[in-house]
Amino acid sequence: MTTIYVGNLPFSANEADVRVLFERHGQVDSVKLINDRETGRPRGFGFVDMPAEAAKAAIEALNGYEMSGRALRINEAQERAPRPPRGGGGPYRR
């Protein structure tokens, strides 16, 4: 299974639109579009899970594909680097 990053999505795109686009290149196991935590509005990117061979074909075919006037950025998703701990601890100053 390969996870594909899909960036620069139009804000009007929904999971069904993305699924149909990627199914042209093989079986799609899941689609997840990311929304802003505070507003609930789309952030313009998401992830698609596909078998490795289908994912490779989809990445090659769809990187730069224009959807509603926006050129999609498609590549294999990378593991997110761990975030450093947040500061703010320590003694209070008066």
PDB file of N, CA and C in Angstrom:
ATOM      1  N   MET A   1       0.847  -1.185   0.000  1.00  0.00           N
ATOM      2  CA  MET A   1       0.000   0.000   0.000  1.00  0.00           C
ATOM      3  C   MET A   1       0.887   1.241   0.000  1.00  0.00           C
ATOM      4  N   THR A   2       0.542   2.190  -0.840  1.00  0.00           N
ATOM      5  CA  THR A   2       1.285   3.450  -0.935  1.00  0.00           C
ATOM      6  C   THR A   2       0.341   4.602  -0.631  1.00  0.00           C
ATOM      7  N   THR A   3       0.802   5.545   0.179  1.00  0.00           N
ATOM      8  CA  THR A   3       0.030   6.757   0.459  1.00  0.00           C
ATOM      9  C   THR A   3       0.559   7.866  -0.427  1.00  0.00           C
ATOM     10  N   ILE A   4      -0.360   8.527  -1.122  1.00  0.00           N
ATOM     11  CA  ILE A   4      -0.028   9.596  -2.055  1.00  0.00           C
ATOM     12  C   ILE A   4      -0.483  10.924  -1.467  1.00  0.00           C
ATOM     13  N   TYR A   5       0.416  11.904  -1.509  1.00  0.00           N
ATOM     14  CA  TYR A   5       0.077  13.275  -1.108  1.00  0.00           C
ATOM     15  C   TYR A   5      -0.537  13.968  -2.322  1.00  0.00           C
ATOM     16  N   VAL A   6      -1.665  14.637  -2.125  1.00  0.00           N
ATOM     17  CA  VAL A   6      -2.336  15.383  -3.187  1.00  0.00           C
ATOM     18  C   VAL A   6      -2.434  16.828  -2.718  1.00  0.00           C
ATOM     19  N   GLY A   7      -1.649  17.705  -3.324  1.00  0.00           N
ATOM     20  CA  GLY A   7      -1.615  19.102  -2.906  1.00  0.00           C
ATOM     21  C   GLY A   7      -2.174  20.039  -3.958  1.00  0.00           C
ATOM     22  N   ASN A   8      -2.462  21.247  -3.537  1.00  0.00           N
ATOM     23  CA  ASN A   8      -3.001  22.310  -4.379  1.00  0.00           C
ATOM     24  C   ASN A   8      -4.391  21.968  -4.911  1.00  0.00           C
ATOM     25  N   LEU A   9      -5.149  21.234  -4.105  1.00  0.00           N
ATOM     26  CA  LEU A   9      -6.524  20.901  -4.490  1.00  0.00           C
ATOM     27  C   LEU A   9      -7.399  22.148  -4.451  1.00  0.00           C
ATOM     28  N   PRO A  10      -8.345  22.253  -5.383  1.00  0.00           N
ATOM     29  CA  PRO A  10      -9.304  23.355  -5.271  1.00  0.00           C
ATOM     30  C   PRO A  10     -10.133  23.155  -3.996  1.00  0.00           C
ATOM     31  N   PHE A  11     -10.505  24.230  -3.351  1.00  0.00           N
ATOM     32  CA  PHE A  11     -11.249  24.133  -2.103  1.00  0.00           C
ATOM     33  C   PHE A  11     -12.637  23.535  -2.310  1.00  0.00           C
ATOM     34  N   SER A  12     -13.101  23.516  -3.558  1.00  0.00           N
ATOM     35  CA  SER A  12     -14.410  22.937  -3.867  1.00  0.00           C
ATOM     36  C   SER A  12     -14.356  21.418  -4.026  1.00  0.00           C
ATOM     37  N   ALA A  13     -13.162  20.836  -4.099  1.00  0.00           N
ATOM     38  CA  ALA A  13     -13.030  19.389  -4.297  1.00  0.00           C
ATOM     39  C   ALA A  13     -13.496  18.627  -3.059  1.00  0.00           C
ATOM     40  N   ASN A  14     -14.124  17.486  -3.291  1.00  0.00           N
ATOM     41  CA  ASN A  14     -14.518  16.625  -2.177  1.00  0.00           C
ATOM     42  C   ASN A  14     -13.904  15.246  -2.381  1.00  0.00           C
ATOM     43  N   GLU A  15     -14.083  14.365  -1.396  1.00  0.00           N
ATOM     44  CA  GLU A  15     -13.448  13.049  -1.454  1.00  0.00           C
ATOM     45  C   GLU A  15     -13.918  12.244  -2.660  1.00  0.00           C
ATOM     46  N   ALA A  16     -15.182  12.378  -3.038  1.00  0.00           N
ATOM     47  CA  ALA A  16     -15.700  11.648  -4.199  1.00  0.00           C
ATOM     48  C   ALA A  16     -15.002  12.107  -5.484  1.00  0.00           C
ATOM     49  N   ASP A  17     -14.783  13.414  -5.636  1.00  0.00           N
ATOM     50  CA  ASP A  17     -14.092  13.946  -6.823  1.00  0.00           C
ATOM     51  C   ASP A  17     -12.686  13.361  -6.935  1.00  0.00           C
ATOM     52  N   VAL A  18     -11.969  13.353  -5.820  1.00  0.00           N
ATOM     53  CA  VAL A  18     -10.590  12.860  -5.803  1.00  0.00           C
ATOM     54  C   VAL A  18     -10.570  11.357  -6.070  1.00  0.00           C
ATOM     55  N   ARG A  19     -11.505  10.620  -5.482  1.00  0.00           N
ATOM     56  CA  ARG A  19     -11.578   9.173  -5.708  1.00  0.00           C
ATOM     57  C   ARG A  19     -11.788   8.859  -7.188  1.00  0.00           C
ATOM     58  N   VAL A  20     -12.714   9.542  -7.829  1.00  0.00           N
ATOM     59  CA  VAL A  20     -12.987   9.309  -9.257  1.00  0.00           C
ATOM     60  C   VAL A  20     -11.741   9.591 -10.091  1.00  0.00           C
ATOM     61  N   LEU A  21     -11.051  10.662  -9.785  1.00  0.00           N
ATOM     62  CA  LEU A  21      -9.838  11.027 -10.523  1.00  0.00           C
ATOM     63  C   LEU A  21      -8.771   9.938 -10.407  1.00  0.00           C
ATOM     64  N   PHE A  22      -8.549   9.423  -9.204  1.00  0.00           N
ATOM     65  CA  PHE A  22      -7.499   8.431  -8.987  1.00  0.00           C
ATOM     66  C   PHE A  22      -7.906   7.035  -9.431  1.00  0.00           C
ATOM     67  N   GLU A  23      -9.204   6.718  -9.416  1.00  0.00           N
ATOM     68  CA  GLU A  23      -9.652   5.390  -9.838  1.00  0.00           C
ATOM     69  C   GLU A  23      -9.377   5.123 -11.312  1.00  0.00           C
ATOM     70  N   ARG A  24      -9.122   6.146 -12.079  1.00  0.00           N
ATOM     71  CA  ARG A  24      -8.752   5.962 -13.492  1.00  0.00           C
ATOM     72  C   ARG A  24      -7.436   5.198 -13.616  1.00  0.00           C
ATOM     73  N   HIS A  25      -6.669   5.177 -12.542  1.00  0.00           N
ATOM     74  CA  HIS A  25      -5.326   4.583 -12.577  1.00  0.00           C
ATOM     75  C   HIS A  25      -5.210   3.331 -11.723  1.00  0.00           C
ATOM     76  N   GLY A  26      -6.295   2.903 -11.099  1.00  0.00           N
ATOM     77  CA  GLY A  26      -6.269   1.678 -10.303  1.00  0.00           C
ATOM     78  C   GLY A  26      -7.169   1.763  -9.087  1.00  0.00           C
ATOM     79  N   GLN A  27      -7.102   0.735  -8.280  1.00  0.00           N
ATOM     80  CA  GLN A  27      -7.931   0.638  -7.084  1.00  0.00           C
ATOM     81  C   GLN A  27      -7.545   1.695  -6.057  1.00  0.00           C
ATOM     82  N   VAL A  28      -8.541   2.379  -5.525  1.00  0.00           N
ATOM     83  CA  VAL A  28      -8.330   3.364  -4.457  1.00  0.00           C
ATOM     84  C   VAL A  28      -8.872   2.762  -3.169  1.00  0.00           C
ATOM     85  N   ASP A  29      -8.016   2.649  -2.168  1.00  0.00           N
ATOM     86  CA  ASP A  29      -8.444   2.082  -0.893  1.00  0.00           C
ATOM     87  C   ASP A  29      -9.043   3.126   0.030  1.00  0.00           C
ATOM     88  N   SER A  30      -8.495   4.340   0.013  1.00  0.00           N
ATOM     89  CA  SER A  30      -9.075   5.394   0.841  1.00  0.00           C
ATOM     90  C   SER A  30      -8.656   6.766   0.335  1.00  0.00           C
ATOM     91  N   VAL A  31      -9.491   7.749   0.659  1.00  0.00           N
ATOM     92  CA  VAL A  31      -9.230   9.154   0.342  1.00  0.00           C
ATOM     93  C   VAL A  31      -9.491   9.945   1.613  1.00  0.00           C
ATOM     94  N   LYS A  32      -8.575  10.824   1.965  1.00  0.00           N
ATOM     95  CA  LYS A  32      -8.736  11.654   3.170  1.00  0.00           C
ATOM     96  C   LYS A  32      -8.328  13.080   2.829  1.00  0.00           C
ATOM     97  N   LEU A  33      -9.297  13.994   2.814  1.00  0.00           N
ATOM     98  CA  LEU A  33      -8.994  15.408   2.602  1.00  0.00           C
ATOM     99  C   LEU A  33      -8.896  16.074   3.965  1.00  0.00           C
ATOM    100  N   ILE A  34      -7.950  16.983   4.103  1.00  0.00           N
ATOM    101  CA  ILE A  34      -7.664  17.610   5.388  1.00  0.00           C
ATOM    102  C   ILE A  34      -8.407  18.940   5.511  1.00  0.00           C
ATOM    103  N   ASN A  35      -9.082  19.103   6.658  1.00  0.00           N
ATOM    104  CA  ASN A  35      -9.798  20.344   6.958  1.00  0.00           C
ATOM    105  C   ASN A  35      -9.103  21.066   8.106  1.00  0.00           C
ATOM    106  N   ASP A  36      -9.273  22.376   8.148  1.00  0.00           N
ATOM    107  CA  ASP A  36      -8.741  23.189   9.233  1.00  0.00           C
ATOM    108  C   ASP A  36      -9.454  22.822  10.531  1.00  0.00           C
ATOM    109  N   ARG A  37      -8.709  22.664  11.604  1.00  0.00           N
ATOM    110  CA  ARG A  37      -9.293  22.265  12.890  1.00  0.00           C
ATOM    111  C   ARG A  37     -10.261  23.307  13.437  1.00  0.00           C
ATOM    112  N   GLU A  38      -9.927  24.559  13.267  1.00  0.00           N
ATOM    113  CA  GLU A  38     -10.739  25.624  13.867  1.00  0.00           C
ATOM    114  C   GLU A  38     -11.957  25.979  13.032  1.00  0.00           C
ATOM    115  N   THR A  39     -11.782  26.089  11.710  1.00  0.00           N
ATOM    116  CA  THR A  39     -12.883  26.547  10.865  1.00  0.00           C
ATOM    117  C   THR A  39     -13.641  25.414  10.198  1.00  0.00           C
ATOM    118  N   GLY A  40     -13.011  24.246  10.077  1.00  0.00           N
ATOM    119  CA  GLY A  40     -13.646  23.132   9.379  1.00  0.00           C
ATOM    120  C   GLY A  40     -13.571  23.249   7.867  1.00  0.00           C
ATOM    121  N   ARG A  41     -12.944  24.294   7.381  1.00  0.00           N
ATOM    122  CA  ARG A  41     -12.827  24.503   5.926  1.00  0.00           C
ATOM    123  C   ARG A  41     -11.674  23.679   5.357  1.00  0.00           C
ATOM    124  N   PRO A  42     -11.785  23.299   4.074  1.00  0.00           N
ATOM    125  CA  PRO A  42     -10.710  22.522   3.447  1.00  0.00           C
ATOM    126  C   PRO A  42      -9.390  23.284   3.440  1.00  0.00           C
ATOM    127  N   ARG A  43      -8.283  22.538   3.606  1.00  0.00           N
ATOM    128  CA  ARG A  43      -6.957  23.149   3.600  1.00  0.00           C
ATOM    129  C   ARG A  43      -6.287  23.041   2.234  1.00  0.00           C
ATOM    130  N   GLY A  44      -6.905  22.321   1.288  1.00  0.00           N
ATOM    131  CA  GLY A  44      -6.364  22.253  -0.064  1.00  0.00           C
ATOM    132  C   GLY A  44      -5.397  21.110  -0.304  1.00  0.00           C
ATOM    133  N   PHE A  45      -5.387  20.127   0.593  1.00  0.00           N
ATOM    134  CA  PHE A  45      -4.557  18.950   0.354  1.00  0.00           C
ATOM    135  C   PHE A  45      -5.190  17.733   1.008  1.00  0.00           C
ATOM    136  N   GLY A  46      -4.679  16.563   0.622  1.00  0.00           N
ATOM    137  CA  GLY A  46      -5.200  15.330   1.185  1.00  0.00           C
ATOM    138  C   GLY A  46      -4.296  14.160   0.843  1.00  0.00           C
ATOM    139  N   PHE A  47      -4.793  12.958   1.118  1.00  0.00           N
ATOM    140  CA  PHE A  47      -4.020  11.744   0.919  1.00  0.00           C
ATOM    141  C   PHE A  47      -4.891  10.673   0.290  1.00  0.00           C
ATOM    142  N   VAL A  48      -4.286   9.878  -0.586  1.00  0.00           N
ATOM    143  CA  VAL A  48      -4.967   8.767  -1.242  1.00  0.00           C
ATOM    144  C   VAL A  48      -4.122   7.518  -1.008  1.00  0.00           C
ATOM    145  N   ASP A  49      -4.760   6.418  -0.599  1.00  0.00           N
ATOM    146  CA  ASP A  49      -4.072   5.139  -0.441  1.00  0.00           C
ATOM    147  C   ASP A  49      -4.418   4.236  -1.619  1.00  0.00           C
ATOM    148  N   MET A  50      -3.370   3.710  -2.268  1.00  0.00           N
ATOM    149  CA  MET A  50      -3.531   2.824  -3.416  1.00  0.00           C
ATOM    150  C   MET A  50      -2.464   1.739  -3.370  1.00  0.00           C
ATOM    151  N   PRO A  51      -2.690   0.600  -4.049  1.00  0.00           N
ATOM    152  CA  PRO A  51      -1.611  -0.381  -4.190  1.00  0.00           C
ATOM    153  C   PRO A  51      -0.413   0.256  -4.906  1.00  0.00           C
ATOM    154  N   ALA A  52       0.779  -0.247  -4.642  1.00  0.00           N
ATOM    155  CA  ALA A  52       2.021   0.380  -5.112  1.00  0.00           C
ATOM    156  C   ALA A  52       2.054   0.650  -6.618  1.00  0.00           C
ATOM    157  N   GLU A  53       1.716  -0.332  -7.444  1.00  0.00           N
ATOM    158  CA  GLU A  53       1.792  -0.132  -8.902  1.00  0.00           C
ATOM    159  C   GLU A  53       0.791   0.909  -9.388  1.00  0.00           C
ATOM    160  N   ALA A  54      -0.419   0.866  -8.858  1.00  0.00           N
ATOM    161  CA  ALA A  54      -1.440   1.847  -9.233  1.00  0.00           C
ATOM    162  C   ALA A  54      -1.024   3.240  -8.767  1.00  0.00           C
ATOM    163  N   ALA A  55      -0.423   3.319  -7.582  1.00  0.00           N
ATOM    164  CA  ALA A  55       0.021   4.608  -7.044  1.00  0.00           C
ATOM    165  C   ALA A  55       1.096   5.217  -7.943  1.00  0.00           C
ATOM    166  N   LYS A  56       2.026   4.391  -8.386  1.00  0.00           N
ATOM    167  CA  LYS A  56       3.093   4.877  -9.263  1.00  0.00           C
ATOM    168  C   LYS A  56       2.508   5.438 -10.560  1.00  0.00           C
ATOM    169  N   ALA A  57       1.558   4.715 -11.141  1.00  0.00           N
ATOM    170  CA  ALA A  57       0.911   5.171 -12.382  1.00  0.00           C
ATOM    171  C   ALA A  57       0.144   6.473 -12.152  1.00  0.00           C
ATOM    172  N   ALA A  58      -0.563   6.564 -11.026  1.00  0.00           N
ATOM    173  CA  ALA A  58      -1.344   7.765 -10.724  1.00  0.00           C
ATOM    174  C   ALA A  58      -0.445   8.975 -10.522  1.00  0.00           C
ATOM    175  N   ILE A  59       0.672   8.786  -9.805  1.00  0.00           N
ATOM    176  CA  ILE A  59       1.595   9.892  -9.555  1.00  0.00           C
ATOM    177  C   ILE A  59       2.144  10.421 -10.876  1.00  0.00           C
ATOM    178  N   GLU A  60       2.579   9.519 -11.742  1.00  0.00           N
ATOM    179  CA  GLU A  60       3.136   9.936 -13.037  1.00  0.00           C
ATOM    180  C   GLU A  60       2.104  10.630 -13.903  1.00  0.00           C
ATOM    181  N   ALA A  61       0.871  10.131 -13.890  1.00  0.00           N
ATOM    182  CA  ALA A  61      -0.165  10.687 -14.761  1.00  0.00           C
ATOM    183  C   ALA A  61      -0.773  11.982 -14.232  1.00  0.00           C
ATOM    184  N   LEU A  62      -0.864  12.123 -12.911  1.00  0.00           N
ATOM    185  CA  LEU A  62      -1.644  13.238 -12.355  1.00  0.00           C
ATOM    186  C   LEU A  62      -0.834  14.401 -11.803  1.00  0.00           C
ATOM    187  N   ASN A  63       0.477  14.253 -11.623  1.00  0.00           N
ATOM    188  CA  ASN A  63       1.265  15.380 -11.138  1.00  0.00           C
ATOM    189  C   ASN A  63       1.205  16.495 -12.181  1.00  0.00           C
ATOM    190  N   GLY A  64       0.700  17.651 -11.789  1.00  0.00           N
ATOM    191  CA  GLY A  64       0.529  18.778 -12.699  1.00  0.00           C
ATOM    192  C   GLY A  64      -0.832  18.814 -13.378  1.00  0.00           C
ATOM    193  N   TYR A  65      -1.657  17.783 -13.172  1.00  0.00           N
ATOM    194  CA  TYR A  65      -3.008  17.733 -13.743  1.00  0.00           C
ATOM    195  C   TYR A  65      -3.805  18.930 -13.242  1.00  0.00           C
ATOM    196  N   GLU A  66      -4.529  19.569 -14.144  1.00  0.00           N
ATOM    197  CA  GLU A  66      -5.294  20.755 -13.769  1.00  0.00           C
ATOM    198  C   GLU A  66      -6.704  20.360 -13.347  1.00  0.00           C
ATOM    199  N   MET A  67      -7.060  20.740 -12.139  1.00  0.00           N
ATOM    200  CA  MET A  67      -8.397  20.481 -11.592  1.00  0.00           C
ATOM    201  C   MET A  67      -8.997  21.812 -11.165  1.00  0.00           C
ATOM    202  N   SER A  68     -10.056  22.206 -11.829  1.00  0.00           N
ATOM    203  CA  SER A  68     -10.723  23.489 -11.549  1.00  0.00           C
ATOM    204  C   SER A  68      -9.736  24.647 -11.571  1.00  0.00           C
ATOM    205  N   GLY A  69      -8.840  24.639 -12.548  1.00  0.00           N
ATOM    206  CA  GLY A  69      -7.902  25.738 -12.728  1.00  0.00           C
ATOM    207  C   GLY A  69      -6.668  25.681 -11.851  1.00  0.00           C
ATOM    208  N   ARG A  70      -6.481  24.601 -11.080  1.00  0.00           N
ATOM    209  CA  ARG A  70      -5.309  24.482 -10.197  1.00  0.00           C
ATOM    210  C   ARG A  70      -4.500  23.254 -10.589  1.00  0.00           C
ATOM    211  N   ALA A  71      -3.200  23.441 -10.747  1.00  0.00           N
ATOM    212  CA  ALA A  71      -2.297  22.332 -11.082  1.00  0.00           C
ATOM    213  C   ALA A  71      -2.014  21.532  -9.820  1.00  0.00           C
ATOM    214  N   LEU A  72      -2.424  20.274  -9.808  1.00  0.00           N
ATOM    215  CA  LEU A  72      -2.236  19.428  -8.629  1.00  0.00           C
ATOM    216  C   LEU A  72      -0.769  19.068  -8.438  1.00  0.00           C
ATOM    217  N   ARG A  73      -0.355  18.962  -7.190  1.00  0.00           N
ATOM    218  CA  ARG A  73       0.985  18.461  -6.843  1.00  0.00           C
ATOM    219  C   ARG A  73       0.789  17.080  -6.242  1.00  0.00           C
ATOM    220  N   ILE A  74       1.295  16.090  -6.941  1.00  0.00           N
ATOM    221  CA  ILE A  74       1.085  14.704  -6.551  1.00  0.00           C
ATOM    222  C   ILE A  74       2.437  14.041  -6.339  1.00  0.00           C
ATOM    223  N   ASN A  75       2.638  13.429  -5.181  1.00  0.00           N
ATOM    224  CA  ASN A  75       3.849  12.641  -4.952  1.00  0.00           C
ATOM    225  C   ASN A  75       3.604  11.657  -3.812  1.00  0.00           C
ATOM    226  N   GLU A  76       4.553  10.762  -3.635  1.00  0.00           N
ATOM    227  CA  GLU A  76       4.419   9.800  -2.551  1.00  0.00           C
ATOM    228  C   GLU A  76       4.553  10.543  -1.229  1.00  0.00           C
ATOM    229  N   ALA A  77       3.641  10.276  -0.319  1.00  0.00           N
ATOM    230  CA  ALA A  77       3.652  10.957   0.980  1.00  0.00           C
ATOM    231  C   ALA A  77       4.887  10.560   1.769  1.00  0.00           C
ATOM    232  N   GLN A  78       5.439  11.523   2.475  1.00  0.00           N
ATOM    233  CA  GLN A  78       6.612  11.287   3.334  1.00  0.00           C
ATOM    234  C   GLN A  78       6.158  11.301   4.786  1.00  0.00           C
ATOM    235  N   GLU A  79       6.809  10.503   5.604  1.00  0.00           N
ATOM    236  CA  GLU A  79       6.534  10.512   7.040  1.00  0.00           C
ATOM    237  C   GLU A  79       6.805  11.905   7.578  1.00  0.00           C
ATOM    238  N   ARG A  80       5.936  12.382   8.433  1.00  0.00           N
ATOM    239  CA  ARG A  80       6.116  13.703   9.018  1.00  0.00           C
ATOM    240  C   ARG A  80       7.168  13.617  10.119  1.00  0.00           C
ATOM    241  N   ALA A  81       8.100  14.549  10.093  1.00  0.00           N
ATOM    242  CA  ALA A  81       9.155  14.586  11.116  1.00  0.00           C
ATOM    243  C   ALA A  81       8.526  14.924  12.462  1.00  0.00           C
ATOM    244  N   PRO A  82       9.024  14.320  13.536  1.00  0.00           N
ATOM    245  CA  PRO A  82       8.473  14.638  14.854  1.00  0.00           C
ATOM    246  C   PRO A  82       8.705  16.105  15.200  1.00  0.00           C
ATOM    247  N   ARG A  83       7.719  16.691  15.826  1.00  0.00           N
ATOM    248  CA  ARG A  83       7.826  18.100  16.219  1.00  0.00           C
ATOM    249  C   ARG A  83       8.623  18.207  17.503  1.00  0.00           C
ATOM    250  N   PRO A  84       9.435  19.259  17.612  1.00  0.00           N
ATOM    251  CA  PRO A  84      10.167  19.458  18.875  1.00  0.00           C
ATOM    252  C   PRO A  84       9.181  19.839  19.974  1.00  0.00           C
ATOM    253  N   PRO A  85       9.523  19.534  21.220  1.00  0.00           N
ATOM    254  CA  PRO A  85       8.615  19.895  22.316  1.00  0.00           C
ATOM    255  C   PRO A  85       8.440  21.407  22.389  1.00  0.00           C
ATOM    256  N   ARG A  86       7.260  21.807  22.759  1.00  0.00           N
ATOM    257  CA  ARG A  86       6.982  23.243  22.879  1.00  0.00           C
ATOM    258  C   ARG A  86       7.559  23.771  24.169  1.00  0.00           C
ATOM    259  N   GLY A  87       7.995  25.019  24.110  1.00  0.00           N
ATOM    260  CA  GLY A  87       8.525  25.669  25.312  1.00  0.00           C
ATOM    261  C   GLY A  87       7.402  26.140  26.198  1.00  0.00           C
ATOM    262  N   GLY A  88       7.701  27.046  27.067  1.00  0.00           N
ATOM    263  CA  GLY A  88       6.672  27.619  27.914  1.00  0.00           C
ATOM    264  C   GLY A  88       6.739  27.132  29.346  1.00  0.00           C
ATOM    265  N   GLY A  89       7.515  26.076  29.594  1.00  0.00           N
ATOM    266  CA  GLY A  89       7.637  25.599  30.961  1.00  0.00           C
ATOM    267  C   GLY A  89       8.603  26.490  31.740  1.00  0.00           C
ATOM    268  N   GLY A  90       8.820  26.176  32.938  1.00  0.00           N
ATOM    269  CA  GLY A  90       9.770  26.938  33.718  1.00  0.00           C
ATOM    270  C   GLY A  90       9.099  27.855  34.699  1.00  0.00           C
ATOM    271  N   PRO A  91       9.920  28.546  35.453  1.00  0.00           N
ATOM    272  CA  PRO A  91       9.366  29.406  36.518  1.00  0.00           C
ATOM    273  C   PRO A  91       8.621  30.609  35.939  1.00  0.00           C
ATOM    274  N   TYR A  92       7.628  31.047  36.708  1.00  0.00           N
ATOM    275  CA  TYR A  92       6.891  32.229  36.300  1.00  0.00           C
ATOM    276  C   TYR A  92       7.664  33.457  36.739  1.00  0.00           C
ATOM    277  N   ARG A  93       7.637  34.461  35.927  1.00  0.00           N
ATOM    278  CA  ARG A  93       8.324  35.714  36.276  1.00  0.00           C
ATOM    279  C   ARG A  93       7.296  36.770  36.584  1.00  0.00           C
ATOM    280  N   ARG A  94       7.608  37.572  37.579  1.00  0.00           N
ATOM    281  CA  ARG A  94       6.680  38.641  37.951  1.00  0.00           C
ATOM    282  C   ARG A  94       7.294  39.979  37.734  1.00  0.00           C
TER     283      ARG A  94
END
